[in-house]
């Protein structure tokens, strides 16, 4: 039981770190790179405002 709780917590931390890195990468992209991905600055701004869960 205790081991499964720690595993779940580790998984949550891992997911939060991945999302945080992805958000930083999106924020650092140029308009051209975002266009290549099919995204706009407003979509990135929306994503960056979302809480990290």
C-alpha atoms as a PDB file:
ATOM      1  CA  UNK A   1       0.000   0.000   0.000  1.00  0.00           C
ATOM      2  CA  UNK A   2       2.678   2.526   1.002  1.00  0.00           C
ATOM      3  CA  UNK A   3       4.804   1.563  -2.003  1.00  0.00           C
ATOM      4  CA  UNK A   4       1.897   2.141  -4.394  1.00  0.00           C
ATOM      5  CA  UNK A   5       1.286   5.593  -2.895  1.00  0.00           C
ATOM      6  CA  UNK A   6       4.951   6.531  -3.401  1.00  0.00           C
ATOM      7  CA  UNK A   7       4.855   5.218  -6.956  1.00  0.00           C
ATOM      8  CA  UNK A   8       1.765   7.285  -7.704  1.00  0.00           C
ATOM      9  CA  UNK A   9       3.390  10.401  -6.220  1.00  0.00           C
ATOM     10  CA  UNK A  10       6.524   9.812  -8.273  1.00  0.00           C
ATOM     11  CA  UNK A  11       4.382   9.439 -11.386  1.00  0.00           C
ATOM     12  CA  UNK A  12       2.582  12.722 -10.662  1.00  0.00           C
ATOM     13  CA  UNK A  13       5.894  14.548 -10.167  1.00  0.00           C
ATOM     14  CA  UNK A  14       7.224  13.080 -13.405  1.00  0.00           C
ATOM     15  CA  UNK A  15       4.142  14.164 -15.369  1.00  0.00           C
ATOM     16  CA  UNK A  16       4.278  17.689 -13.914  1.00  0.00           C
ATOM     17  CA  UNK A  17       7.938  18.024 -14.875  1.00  0.00           C
ATOM     18  CA  UNK A  18       7.241  16.839 -18.432  1.00  0.00           C
ATOM     19  CA  UNK A  19       4.385  19.307 -18.833  1.00  0.00           C
ATOM     20  CA  UNK A  20       6.473  22.119 -17.392  1.00  0.00           C
ATOM     21  CA  UNK A  21       9.292  21.390 -19.855  1.00  0.00           C
ATOM     22  CA  UNK A  22       6.855  21.250 -22.754  1.00  0.00           C
ATOM     23  CA  UNK A  23       5.362  24.600 -21.769  1.00  0.00           C
ATOM     24  CA  UNK A  24       8.809  26.180 -21.576  1.00  0.00           C
ATOM     25  CA  UNK A  25       9.649  24.823 -25.013  1.00  0.00           C
ATOM     26  CA  UNK A  26       6.401  26.177 -26.465  1.00  0.00           C
ATOM     27  CA  UNK A  27       7.023  29.585 -24.925  1.00  0.00           C
ATOM     28  CA  UNK A  28      10.511  29.688 -26.464  1.00  0.00           C
ATOM     29  CA  UNK A  29       9.378  28.816 -30.004  1.00  0.00           C
ATOM     30  CA  UNK A  30       9.408  31.397 -32.765  1.00  0.00           C
ATOM     31  CA  UNK A  31       6.241  32.321 -34.653  1.00  0.00           C
ATOM     32  CA  UNK A  32       7.513  30.294 -37.615  1.00  0.00           C
ATOM     33  CA  UNK A  33       8.068  27.194 -35.476  1.00  0.00           C
ATOM     34  CA  UNK A  34       4.610  27.563 -33.956  1.00  0.00           C
ATOM     35  CA  UNK A  35       3.110  27.922 -37.416  1.00  0.00           C
ATOM     36  CA  UNK A  36       4.859  24.709 -38.478  1.00  0.00           C
ATOM     37  CA  UNK A  37       3.215  22.982 -35.490  1.00  0.00           C
ATOM     38  CA  UNK A  38      -0.164  24.474 -36.359  1.00  0.00           C
ATOM     39  CA  UNK A  39      -0.334  26.614 -33.219  1.00  0.00           C
ATOM     40  CA  UNK A  40      -0.692  30.326 -32.555  1.00  0.00           C
ATOM     41  CA  UNK A  41       0.653  32.608 -29.831  1.00  0.00           C
ATOM     42  CA  UNK A  42      -2.843  32.890 -28.335  1.00  0.00           C
ATOM     43  CA  UNK A  43      -3.091  29.103 -28.034  1.00  0.00           C
ATOM     44  CA  UNK A  44       0.303  29.045 -26.327  1.00  0.00           C
ATOM     45  CA  UNK A  45      -0.762  31.830 -23.954  1.00  0.00           C
ATOM     46  CA  UNK A  46      -3.880  29.826 -23.086  1.00  0.00           C
ATOM     47  CA  UNK A  47      -1.809  26.706 -22.457  1.00  0.00           C
ATOM     48  CA  UNK A  48       0.673  28.587 -20.280  1.00  0.00           C
ATOM     49  CA  UNK A  49      -2.142  29.967 -18.088  1.00  0.00           C
ATOM     50  CA  UNK A  50      -3.475  26.498 -17.327  1.00  0.00           C
ATOM     51  CA  UNK A  51      -2.436  25.145 -13.934  1.00  0.00           C
ATOM     52  CA  UNK A  52       0.170  22.404 -13.884  1.00  0.00           C
ATOM     53  CA  UNK A  53      -1.625  19.326 -12.576  1.00  0.00           C
END
